[in-house]
Amino acid sequence: MDRITLPARHNDGRGSAGRWLAITALGWLAMTLGLFTATVAGNAVWASGATDNEIAVVQALTAALLIVPAVYLIQRRFRLTARLLPLTPAAFLHMLGGAASALLMGGLGFIITGALGWTTITAWHFSMDLLLAVAFNTCIAFLYEALPEELSMRGIVYSGLRLRLPAFAAYGAQVLLFVLVPVTVNQLQAWSGIGRGSSINAEYMIMLLCYGTMLQLWRSLTGSLWASIGFHVAYLEIARFVILQQDRRLLTYSELEAGTGPVVIQFGIIIVGSAVLLVLLNLWRRRRLRTASQ
């Protein structure tokens, strides 16, 4: 999605008190109910004896086929303009740039912690099996997490908020609504008897607050959701196949203190470090635009 903008005559928000709220609420509901329905579908196929990969495919397709069309309908109903297809050359470069920055920040994290003696890479595990696993998981991450989430939260929800709120307030409101998605889905799962999914604790919520802010900064910098989509997918693959040390992983590393990888590299350098860099780039871009307009 290159841009989500509003016709100029609607940008001041006057006479549209219900419009901005409807766009924001519908965008949030699309993400929340789509994700909840995907968990219900995944639980149903799990009960029938499906494999982990089959469950992942069902959940990814359910989320994408519910949330993406819902986003399209919201756009049309409220005359938001969005260009998702075709993937233009500029949008493709934005996606590659976002993905590359996540990879570079992850590499930088290992370089810094290695130089400080906090982590030591002890083995590399290149294999065709790993390559296939990363390729499969990348597709799942794109359909189940990155594409629906960026379209709904950093796309529709933020656009609705900007009809009424200044940028800094829209940022804060979007991030809070983003955090509220997994909290609500967990509660819906509990009420429906499925059982709660991931544990919602203070550390997880802080991570989501920083993560949502950082991804929104990508949209502000590039005017494109493809940059945040690219970063989103690459970040998930780094976490799953490098930092978390699962059975299938790119490398094995030791830590001087337990948790250095997830806390220092994954959160501190990739998420917070990227957010700081994006803030500086956004300020530099704004200064350039202001200078050019004078």
C-alpha atoms as a PDB file:
ATOM      1  CA  MET A   1       0.000   0.000   0.000  1.00  0.00           C
ATOM      2  CA  ASP A   2       1.721   3.199  -1.129  1.00  0.00           C
ATOM      3  CA  ARG A   3      -0.391   5.748   0.670  1.00  0.00           C
ATOM      4  CA  ILE A   4      -3.635   6.108   2.531  1.00  0.00           C
ATOM      5  CA  THR A   5      -4.823   9.686   2.285  1.00  0.00           C
ATOM      6  CA  LEU A   6      -8.041  11.592   2.548  1.00  0.00           C
ATOM      7  CA  PRO A   7      -9.617  13.939   0.011  1.00  0.00           C
ATOM      8  CA  ALA A   8      -8.496  17.482   0.799  1.00  0.00           C
ATOM      9  CA  ARG A   9     -12.003  18.727   1.528  1.00  0.00           C
ATOM     10  CA  HIS A  10     -12.298  16.260   4.420  1.00  0.00           C
ATOM     11  CA  ASN A  11      -8.921  16.768   6.037  1.00  0.00           C
ATOM     12  CA  ASP A  12      -9.988  19.512   8.457  1.00  0.00           C
ATOM     13  CA  GLY A  13     -12.403  17.139  10.178  1.00  0.00           C
ATOM     14  CA  ARG A  14     -15.210  19.725  10.393  1.00  0.00           C
ATOM     15  CA  GLY A  15     -18.702  18.296  10.177  1.00  0.00           C
ATOM     16  CA  SER A  16     -17.395  14.735  10.386  1.00  0.00           C
ATOM     17  CA  ALA A  17     -17.429  14.008  14.110  1.00  0.00           C
ATOM     18  CA  GLY A  18     -18.823  10.540  13.491  1.00  0.00           C
ATOM     19  CA  ARG A  19     -16.802   9.862  10.363  1.00  0.00           C
ATOM     20  CA  TRP A  20     -13.349   9.760  11.940  1.00  0.00           C
ATOM     21  CA  LEU A  21     -14.655   7.650  14.801  1.00  0.00           C
ATOM     22  CA  ALA A  22     -16.365   5.202  12.437  1.00  0.00           C
ATOM     23  CA  ILE A  23     -13.207   4.766  10.338  1.00  0.00           C
ATOM     24  CA  THR A  24     -11.055   4.242  13.432  1.00  0.00           C
ATOM     25  CA  ALA A  25     -13.485   1.837  15.111  1.00  0.00           C
ATOM     26  CA  LEU A  26     -14.131  -0.219  11.981  1.00  0.00           C
ATOM     27  CA  GLY A  27     -10.423  -0.510  11.234  1.00  0.00           C
ATOM     28  CA  TRP A  28      -9.732  -1.698  14.774  1.00  0.00           C
ATOM     29  CA  LEU A  29     -12.656  -4.130  14.739  1.00  0.00           C
ATOM     30  CA  ALA A  30     -11.529  -5.564  11.401  1.00  0.00           C
ATOM     31  CA  MET A  31      -8.121  -6.409  12.862  1.00  0.00           C
ATOM     32  CA  THR A  32      -9.416  -7.662  16.217  1.00  0.00           C
ATOM     33  CA  LEU A  33     -12.303  -9.805  14.946  1.00  0.00           C
ATOM     34  CA  GLY A  34     -10.264 -11.080  12.008  1.00  0.00           C
ATOM     35  CA  LEU A  35      -7.471 -12.200  14.323  1.00  0.00           C
ATOM     36  CA  PHE A  36      -9.919 -13.776  16.750  1.00  0.00           C
ATOM     37  CA  THR A  37     -11.670 -15.654  13.938  1.00  0.00           C
ATOM     38  CA  ALA A  38      -8.280 -16.902  12.742  1.00  0.00           C
ATOM     39  CA  THR A  39      -7.547 -18.302  16.202  1.00  0.00           C
ATOM     40  CA  VAL A  40     -10.952 -20.006  16.248  1.00  0.00           C
ATOM     41  CA  ALA A  41     -10.266 -21.547  12.823  1.00  0.00           C
ATOM     42  CA  GLY A  42      -6.807 -22.645  13.931  1.00  0.00           C
ATOM     43  CA  ASN A  43      -8.232 -24.245  17.057  1.00  0.00           C
ATOM     44  CA  ALA A  44     -10.845 -26.092  14.980  1.00  0.00           C
ATOM     45  CA  VAL A  45      -8.293 -27.639  12.612  1.00  0.00           C
ATOM     46  CA  TRP A  46      -6.014 -28.432  15.578  1.00  0.00           C
ATOM     47  CA  ALA A  47      -8.872 -30.400  17.144  1.00  0.00           C
ATOM     48  CA  SER A  48      -9.182 -32.385  13.909  1.00  0.00           C
ATOM     49  CA  GLY A  49      -5.527 -33.458  14.117  1.00  0.00           C
ATOM     50  CA  ALA A  50      -3.920 -30.957  11.739  1.00  0.00           C
ATOM     51  CA  THR A  51      -0.167 -30.390  11.793  1.00  0.00           C
ATOM     52  CA  ASP A  52       1.423 -27.168  13.000  1.00  0.00           C
ATOM     53  CA  ASN A  53       2.058 -26.060   9.407  1.00  0.00           C
ATOM     54  CA  GLU A  54      -1.532 -26.756   8.420  1.00  0.00           C
ATOM     55  CA  ILE A  55      -2.784 -24.761  11.404  1.00  0.00           C
ATOM     56  CA  ALA A  56      -0.517 -21.865  10.458  1.00  0.00           C
ATOM     57  CA  VAL A  57      -1.804 -21.877   6.864  1.00  0.00           C
ATOM     58  CA  VAL A  58      -5.446 -21.881   7.998  1.00  0.00           C
ATOM     59  CA  GLN A  59      -4.871 -19.042  10.435  1.00  0.00           C
ATOM     60  CA  ALA A  60      -2.919 -16.962   7.921  1.00  0.00           C
ATOM     61  CA  LEU A  61      -5.475 -17.378   5.147  1.00  0.00           C
ATOM     62  CA  THR A  62      -8.388 -16.703   7.505  1.00  0.00           C
ATOM     63  CA  ALA A  63      -6.834 -13.482   8.800  1.00  0.00           C
ATOM     64  CA  ALA A  64      -5.830 -12.213   5.356  1.00  0.00           C
ATOM     65  CA  LEU A  65      -9.141 -13.112   3.678  1.00  0.00           C
ATOM     66  CA  LEU A  66     -11.145 -11.368   6.391  1.00  0.00           C
ATOM     67  CA  ILE A  67      -9.068  -8.303   7.254  1.00  0.00           C
ATOM     68  CA  VAL A  68      -7.785  -7.235   3.825  1.00  0.00           C
ATOM     69  CA  PRO A  69     -11.251  -7.185   2.151  1.00  0.00           C
ATOM     70  CA  ALA A  70     -12.645  -5.408   5.228  1.00  0.00           C
ATOM     71  CA  VAL A  71      -9.981  -2.732   4.836  1.00  0.00           C
ATOM     72  CA  TYR A  72     -10.910  -2.375   1.162  1.00  0.00           C
ATOM     73  CA  LEU A  73     -14.597  -1.955   2.017  1.00  0.00           C
ATOM     74  CA  ILE A  74     -13.834   0.672   4.665  1.00  0.00           C
ATOM     75  CA  GLN A  75     -11.720   2.563   2.159  1.00  0.00           C
ATOM     76  CA  ARG A  76     -14.494   2.589  -0.417  1.00  0.00           C
ATOM     77  CA  ARG A  77     -17.254   3.414   2.041  1.00  0.00           C
ATOM     78  CA  PHE A  78     -15.432   6.440   3.475  1.00  0.00           C
ATOM     79  CA  ARG A  79     -13.641   7.432   0.260  1.00  0.00           C
ATOM     80  CA  LEU A  80     -10.155   6.808   1.570  1.00  0.00           C
ATOM     81  CA  THR A  81      -7.649   6.349  -1.228  1.00  0.00           C
ATOM     82  CA  ALA A  82      -5.245   3.408  -0.994  1.00  0.00           C
ATOM     83  CA  ARG A  83      -3.059   1.755  -3.588  1.00  0.00           C
ATOM     84  CA  LEU A  84      -2.255  -1.812  -2.590  1.00  0.00           C
ATOM     85  CA  LEU A  85      -1.921  -3.427  -6.005  1.00  0.00           C
ATOM     86  CA  PRO A  86       0.013  -3.396  -8.171  1.00  0.00           C
ATOM     87  CA  LEU A  87       3.211  -3.316  -6.162  1.00  0.00           C
ATOM     88  CA  THR A  88       4.934  -0.329  -7.737  1.00  0.00           C
ATOM     89  CA  PRO A  89       8.734  -0.082  -8.061  1.00  0.00           C
ATOM     90  CA  ALA A  90       8.797   2.631  -5.384  1.00  0.00           C
ATOM     91  CA  ALA A  91       6.667   0.529  -3.027  1.00  0.00           C
ATOM     92  CA  PHE A  92       8.889  -2.506  -3.656  1.00  0.00           C
ATOM     93  CA  LEU A  93      11.963  -0.452  -2.750  1.00  0.00           C
ATOM     94  CA  HIS A  94      10.241   0.727   0.419  1.00  0.00           C
ATOM     95  CA  MET A  95       9.505  -2.879   1.387  1.00  0.00           C
ATOM     96  CA  LEU A  96      13.094  -3.957   0.706  1.00  0.00           C
ATOM     97  CA  GLY A  97      14.387  -0.954   2.639  1.00  0.00           C
ATOM     98  CA  GLY A  98      12.260  -1.779   5.661  1.00  0.00           C
ATOM     99  CA  ALA A  99      13.338  -5.427   5.614  1.00  0.00           C
ATOM    100  CA  ALA A 100      17.000  -4.537   5.099  1.00  0.00           C
ATOM    101  CA  SER A 101      16.980  -2.094   8.017  1.00  0.00           C
ATOM    102  CA  ALA A 102      15.644  -4.797  10.365  1.00  0.00           C
ATOM    103  CA  LEU A 103      18.369  -7.184   9.207  1.00  0.00           C
ATOM    104  CA  LEU A 104      21.063  -4.521   9.590  1.00  0.00           C
ATOM    105  CA  MET A 105      19.903  -3.607  13.092  1.00  0.00           C
ATOM    106  CA  GLY A 106      19.877  -7.275  14.061  1.00  0.00           C
ATOM    107  CA  GLY A 107      23.409  -7.712  12.722  1.00  0.00           C
ATOM    108  CA  LEU A 108      24.484  -4.557  14.516  1.00  0.00           C
ATOM    109  CA  GLY A 109      23.041  -5.971  17.723  1.00  0.00           C
ATOM    110  CA  PHE A 110      25.238  -9.062  17.513  1.00  0.00           C
ATOM    111  CA  ILE A 111      28.287  -6.961  16.597  1.00  0.00           C
ATOM    112  CA  ILE A 112      27.801  -4.644  19.590  1.00  0.00           C
ATOM    113  CA  THR A 113      27.001  -7.351  22.125  1.00  0.00           C
ATOM    114  CA  GLY A 114      29.811  -9.510  20.749  1.00  0.00           C
ATOM    115  CA  ALA A 115      32.339  -6.675  21.057  1.00  0.00           C
ATOM    116  CA  LEU A 116      31.215  -6.137  24.666  1.00  0.00           C
ATOM    117  CA  GLY A 117      31.514  -9.853  25.401  1.00  0.00           C
ATOM    118  CA  TRP A 118      27.817 -10.198  26.130  1.00  0.00           C
ATOM    119  CA  THR A 119      27.157 -12.718  23.334  1.00  0.00           C
ATOM    120  CA  THR A 120      29.336 -15.199  21.466  1.00  0.00           C
ATOM    121  CA  ILE A 121      28.279 -16.919  18.243  1.00  0.00           C
ATOM    122  CA  THR A 122      29.353 -20.555  18.578  1.00  0.00           C
ATOM    123  CA  ALA A 123      27.916 -22.186  15.422  1.00  0.00           C
ATOM    124  CA  TRP A 124      26.183 -21.502  12.113  1.00  0.00           C
ATOM    125  CA  HIS A 125      23.457 -23.755  10.700  1.00  0.00           C
ATOM    126  CA  PHE A 126      22.969 -23.156   6.980  1.00  0.00           C
ATOM    127  CA  SER A 127      20.821 -25.846   5.352  1.00  0.00           C
ATOM    128  CA  MET A 128      18.104 -26.301   2.740  1.00  0.00           C
ATOM    129  CA  ASP A 129      15.738 -27.362   5.515  1.00  0.00           C
ATOM    130  CA  LEU A 130      16.311 -24.038   7.268  1.00  0.00           C
ATOM    131  CA  LEU A 131      15.870 -22.098   4.026  1.00  0.00           C
ATOM    132  CA  LEU A 132      12.523 -23.795   3.343  1.00  0.00           C
ATOM    133  CA  ALA A 133      11.374 -23.190   6.915  1.00  0.00           C
ATOM    134  CA  VAL A 134      12.234 -19.475   6.671  1.00  0.00           C
ATOM    135  CA  ALA A 135      10.485 -19.190   3.292  1.00  0.00           C
ATOM    136  CA  PHE A 136       7.334 -20.863   4.619  1.00  0.00           C
ATOM    137  CA  ASN A 137       7.303 -18.791   7.798  1.00  0.00           C
ATOM    138  CA  THR A 138       7.873 -15.587   5.823  1.00  0.00           C
ATOM    139  CA  CYS A 139       4.708 -16.247   3.814  1.00  0.00           C
ATOM    140  CA  ILE A 140       2.756 -16.971   6.996  1.00  0.00           C
ATOM    141  CA  ALA A 141       4.106 -13.861   8.718  1.00  0.00           C
ATOM    142  CA  PHE A 142       3.163 -11.723   5.726  1.00  0.00           C
ATOM    143  CA  LEU A 143      -0.415 -13.004   5.485  1.00  0.00           C
ATOM    144  CA  TYR A 144      -1.193 -13.528   9.164  1.00  0.00           C
ATOM    145  CA  GLU A 145       0.593 -10.624  10.814  1.00  0.00           C
ATOM    146  CA  ALA A 146       2.339  -7.990   8.718  1.00  0.00           C
ATOM    147  CA  LEU A 147      -0.114  -7.299   5.881  1.00  0.00           C
ATOM    148  CA  PRO A 148      -3.400  -7.320   7.877  1.00  0.00           C
ATOM    149  CA  GLU A 149      -1.901  -5.452  10.820  1.00  0.00           C
ATOM    150  CA  GLU A 150      -0.246  -2.703   8.814  1.00  0.00           C
ATOM    151  CA  LEU A 151      -3.292  -2.174   6.596  1.00  0.00           C
ATOM    152  CA  SER A 152      -5.702  -1.969   9.510  1.00  0.00           C
ATOM    153  CA  MET A 153      -3.698  -0.323  12.310  1.00  0.00           C
ATOM    154  CA  ARG A 154      -1.040   1.824  10.624  1.00  0.00           C
ATOM    155  CA  GLY A 155      -3.346   2.315   7.646  1.00  0.00           C
ATOM    156  CA  ILE A 156      -7.061   2.656   8.365  1.00  0.00           C
ATOM    157  CA  VAL A 157      -6.967   3.326  12.115  1.00  0.00           C
ATOM    158  CA  TYR A 158      -4.263   5.983  11.913  1.00  0.00           C
ATOM    159  CA  SER A 159      -5.966   7.640   8.935  1.00  0.00           C
ATOM    160  CA  GLY A 160      -9.217   7.832  10.879  1.00  0.00           C
ATOM    161  CA  LEU A 161      -7.493   9.316  13.913  1.00  0.00           C
ATOM    162  CA  ARG A 162      -5.725  11.927  11.799  1.00  0.00           C
ATOM    163  CA  LEU A 163      -9.110  13.257  10.654  1.00  0.00           C
ATOM    164  CA  ARG A 164      -9.625  14.614  14.153  1.00  0.00           C
ATOM    165  CA  LEU A 165      -6.303  14.552  16.035  1.00  0.00           C
ATOM    166  CA  PRO A 166      -2.875  16.125  15.522  1.00  0.00           C
ATOM    167  CA  ALA A 167      -0.085  13.735  14.563  1.00  0.00           C
ATOM    168  CA  PHE A 168       1.366  13.228  18.060  1.00  0.00           C
ATOM    169  CA  ALA A 169      -2.081  12.421  19.532  1.00  0.00           C
ATOM    170  CA  ALA A 170      -2.942  10.120  16.616  1.00  0.00           C
ATOM    171  CA  TYR A 171       0.350   8.310  17.158  1.00  0.00           C
ATOM    172  CA  GLY A 172      -0.435   7.724  20.807  1.00  0.00           C
ATOM    173  CA  ALA A 173      -4.032   6.675  20.197  1.00  0.00           C
ATOM    174  CA  GLN A 174      -3.063   4.277  17.396  1.00  0.00           C
ATOM    175  CA  VAL A 175      -0.427   2.600  19.548  1.00  0.00           C
ATOM    176  CA  LEU A 176      -2.844   2.198  22.463  1.00  0.00           C
ATOM    177  CA  LEU A 177      -5.447   0.674  20.149  1.00  0.00           C
ATOM    178  CA  PHE A 178      -2.736  -1.590  18.732  1.00  0.00           C
ATOM    179  CA  VAL A 179      -1.911  -2.867  22.239  1.00  0.00           C
ATOM    180  CA  LEU A 180      -5.623  -3.355  22.893  1.00  0.00           C
ATOM    181  CA  VAL A 181      -5.914  -5.821  19.972  1.00  0.00           C
ATOM    182  CA  PRO A 182      -4.115  -8.815  21.584  1.00  0.00           C
ATOM    183  CA  VAL A 183      -5.637  -7.976  24.966  1.00  0.00           C
ATOM    184  CA  THR A 184      -9.136  -8.113  23.469  1.00  0.00           C
ATOM    185  CA  VAL A 185      -8.431 -11.233  21.406  1.00  0.00           C
ATOM    186  CA  ASN A 186      -7.110 -13.007  24.527  1.00  0.00           C
ATOM    187  CA  GLN A 187     -10.261 -12.083  26.420  1.00  0.00           C
ATOM    188  CA  LEU A 188     -12.507 -13.226  23.556  1.00  0.00           C
ATOM    189  CA  GLN A 189     -10.651 -16.534  23.483  1.00  0.00           C
ATOM    190  CA  ALA A 190     -11.190 -16.969  27.215  1.00  0.00           C
ATOM    191  CA  TRP A 191     -14.901 -16.181  26.919  1.00  0.00           C
ATOM    192  CA  SER A 192     -15.291 -18.610  24.015  1.00  0.00           C
ATOM    193  CA  GLY A 193     -13.581 -21.440  25.901  1.00  0.00           C
ATOM    194  CA  ILE A 194     -10.535 -21.660  23.624  1.00  0.00           C
ATOM    195  CA  GLY A 195      -8.127 -20.517  26.313  1.00  0.00           C
ATOM    196  CA  ARG A 196      -5.850 -17.528  26.306  1.00  0.00           C
ATOM    197  CA  GLY A 197      -3.055 -17.244  23.760  1.00  0.00           C
ATOM    198  CA  SER A 198       0.187 -15.428  24.501  1.00  0.00           C
ATOM    199  CA  SER A 199       0.782 -14.133  27.997  1.00  0.00           C
ATOM    200  CA  ILE A 200      -0.103 -10.451  28.354  1.00  0.00           C
ATOM    201  CA  ASN A 201       2.269  -8.903  30.897  1.00  0.00           C
ATOM    202  CA  ALA A 202       3.919  -5.530  31.454  1.00  0.00           C
ATOM    203  CA  GLU A 203       7.014  -6.427  29.429  1.00  0.00           C
ATOM    204  CA  TYR A 204       4.910  -7.558  26.478  1.00  0.00           C
ATOM    205  CA  MET A 205       2.824  -4.379  26.537  1.00  0.00           C
ATOM    206  CA  ILE A 206       5.925  -2.151  26.687  1.00  0.00           C
ATOM    207  CA  MET A 207       7.334  -4.022  23.705  1.00  0.00           C
ATOM    208  CA  LEU A 208       4.093  -3.522  21.759  1.00  0.00           C
ATOM    209  CA  LEU A 209       4.008   0.192  22.592  1.00  0.00           C
ATOM    210  CA  CYS A 210       7.533   0.682  21.264  1.00  0.00           C
ATOM    211  CA  TYR A 211       6.974  -1.634  18.290  1.00  0.00           C
ATOM    212  CA  GLY A 212       3.755   0.088  17.221  1.00  0.00           C
ATOM    213  CA  THR A 213       5.386   3.504  17.471  1.00  0.00           C
ATOM    214  CA  MET A 214       8.392   2.415  15.445  1.00  0.00           C
ATOM    215  CA  LEU A 215       6.247   0.941  12.660  1.00  0.00           C
ATOM    216  CA  GLN A 216       4.138   4.107  12.528  1.00  0.00           C
ATOM    217  CA  LEU A 217       7.342   6.121  12.139  1.00  0.00           C
ATOM    218  CA  TRP A 218       8.071   4.130   8.971  1.00  0.00           C
ATOM    219  CA  ARG A 219       4.810   5.303   7.446  1.00  0.00           C
ATOM    220  CA  SER A 220       5.539   8.907   8.415  1.00  0.00           C
ATOM    221  CA  LEU A 221       9.020   8.765   6.901  1.00  0.00           C
ATOM    222  CA  THR A 222       8.165   7.056   3.613  1.00  0.00           C
ATOM    223  CA  GLY A 223       4.434   7.733   3.184  1.00  0.00           C
ATOM    224  CA  SER A 224       4.204   4.004   2.509  1.00  0.00           C
ATOM    225  CA  LEU A 225       2.920   1.013   4.435  1.00  0.00           C
ATOM    226  CA  TRP A 226       5.221  -1.250   2.431  1.00  0.00           C
ATOM    227  CA  ALA A 227       8.232  -0.086   4.448  1.00  0.00           C
ATOM    228  CA  SER A 228       6.595  -1.091   7.727  1.00  0.00           C
ATOM    229  CA  ILE A 229       5.401  -4.368   6.167  1.00  0.00           C
ATOM    230  CA  GLY A 230       8.956  -5.190   5.078  1.00  0.00           C
ATOM    231  CA  PHE A 231      10.377  -4.350   8.502  1.00  0.00           C
ATOM    232  CA  HIS A 232       7.583  -6.278  10.220  1.00  0.00           C
ATOM    233  CA  VAL A 233       8.232  -9.511   8.305  1.00  0.00           C
ATOM    234  CA  ALA A 234      12.026  -9.311   8.622  1.00  0.00           C
ATOM    235  CA  TYR A 235      11.794  -8.602  12.353  1.00  0.00           C
ATOM    236  CA  LEU A 236       9.619 -11.662  12.922  1.00  0.00           C
ATOM    237  CA  GLU A 237      12.014 -13.906  11.007  1.00  0.00           C
ATOM    238  CA  ILE A 238      15.030 -12.597  12.940  1.00  0.00           C
ATOM    239  CA  ALA A 239      13.231 -13.231  16.228  1.00  0.00           C
ATOM    240  CA  ARG A 240      12.114 -16.739  15.285  1.00  0.00           C
ATOM    241  CA  PHE A 241      15.152 -18.073  13.453  1.00  0.00           C
ATOM    242  CA  VAL A 242      18.009 -16.245  15.157  1.00  0.00           C
ATOM    243  CA  ILE A 243      17.336 -14.725  18.546  1.00  0.00           C
ATOM    244  CA  LEU A 244      14.909 -17.172  20.171  1.00  0.00           C
ATOM    245  CA  GLN A 245      17.156 -20.207  19.505  1.00  0.00           C
ATOM    246  CA  GLN A 246      14.463 -22.623  18.362  1.00  0.00           C
ATOM    247  CA  ASP A 247      15.262 -26.044  16.914  1.00  0.00           C
ATOM    248  CA  ARG A 248      15.582 -24.548  13.426  1.00  0.00           C
ATOM    249  CA  ARG A 249      17.872 -21.534  13.608  1.00  0.00           C
ATOM    250  CA  LEU A 250      20.504 -19.735  11.619  1.00  0.00           C
ATOM    251  CA  LEU A 251      23.073 -19.651  14.407  1.00  0.00           C
ATOM    252  CA  THR A 252      23.753 -20.688  17.972  1.00  0.00           C
ATOM    253  CA  TYR A 253      25.030 -18.126  20.438  1.00  0.00           C
ATOM    254  CA  SER A 254      25.870 -18.042  24.133  1.00  0.00           C
ATOM    255  CA  GLU A 255      25.033 -15.171  26.505  1.00  0.00           C
ATOM    256  CA  LEU A 256      27.005 -13.722  29.378  1.00  0.00           C
ATOM    257  CA  GLU A 257      23.676 -12.946  31.041  1.00  0.00           C
ATOM    258  CA  ALA A 258      20.501 -14.868  30.211  1.00  0.00           C
ATOM    259  CA  GLY A 259      18.081 -12.814  28.118  1.00  0.00           C
ATOM    260  CA  THR A 260      20.685 -10.633  26.407  1.00  0.00           C
ATOM    261  CA  GLY A 261      19.429 -11.672  22.966  1.00  0.00           C
ATOM    262  CA  PRO A 262      15.724 -10.948  23.458  1.00  0.00           C
ATOM    263  CA  VAL A 263      16.177  -7.885  25.672  1.00  0.00           C
ATOM    264  CA  VAL A 264      19.268  -6.125  24.336  1.00  0.00           C
ATOM    265  CA  ILE A 265      19.306  -7.166  20.664  1.00  0.00           C
ATOM    266  CA  GLN A 266      15.651  -7.813  19.828  1.00  0.00           C
ATOM    267  CA  PHE A 267      14.074  -5.066  21.927  1.00  0.00           C
ATOM    268  CA  GLY A 268      16.824  -2.582  22.705  1.00  0.00           C
ATOM    269  CA  ILE A 269      18.635  -2.412  19.377  1.00  0.00           C
ATOM    270  CA  ILE A 270      16.174  -3.597  16.719  1.00  0.00           C
ATOM    271  CA  ILE A 271      13.013  -1.957  18.095  1.00  0.00           C
ATOM    272  CA  VAL A 272      14.147   0.962  20.249  1.00  0.00           C
ATOM    273  CA  GLY A 273      17.263   1.652  18.182  1.00  0.00           C
ATOM    274  CA  SER A 274      15.214   1.694  14.974  1.00  0.00           C
ATOM    275  CA  ALA A 275      12.639   4.001  16.580  1.00  0.00           C
ATOM    276  CA  VAL A 276      15.332   6.490  17.610  1.00  0.00           C
ATOM    277  CA  LEU A 277      16.876   6.415  14.133  1.00  0.00           C
ATOM    278  CA  LEU A 278      13.465   6.906  12.501  1.00  0.00           C
ATOM    279  CA  VAL A 279      12.675   9.865  14.759  1.00  0.00           C
ATOM    280  CA  LEU A 280      15.924  11.518  13.687  1.00  0.00           C
ATOM    281  CA  LEU A 281      15.230  10.786  10.013  1.00  0.00           C
ATOM    282  CA  ASN A 282      11.691  12.160  10.296  1.00  0.00           C
ATOM    283  CA  LEU A 283      12.987  15.344  11.934  1.00  0.00           C
ATOM    284  CA  TRP A 284      15.641  15.699   9.224  1.00  0.00           C
ATOM    285  CA  ARG A 285      13.030  15.177   6.500  1.00  0.00           C
ATOM    286  CA  ARG A 286      10.680  17.735   8.056  1.00  0.00           C
ATOM    287  CA  ARG A 287      13.496  20.263   8.326  1.00  0.00           C
ATOM    288  CA  ARG A 288      14.407  19.749   4.676  1.00  0.00           C
ATOM    289  CA  LEU A 289      10.797  20.216   3.579  1.00  0.00           C
ATOM    290  CA  ARG A 290      10.472  23.339   5.700  1.00  0.00           C
ATOM    291  CA  THR A 291      13.681  24.775   4.279  1.00  0.00           C
ATOM    292  CA  ALA A 292      12.608  23.976   0.721  1.00  0.00           C
ATOM    293  CA  SER A 293       9.261  25.735   1.209  1.00  0.00           C
ATOM    294  CA  GLN A 294      10.866  28.974   2.397  1.00  0.00           C
END
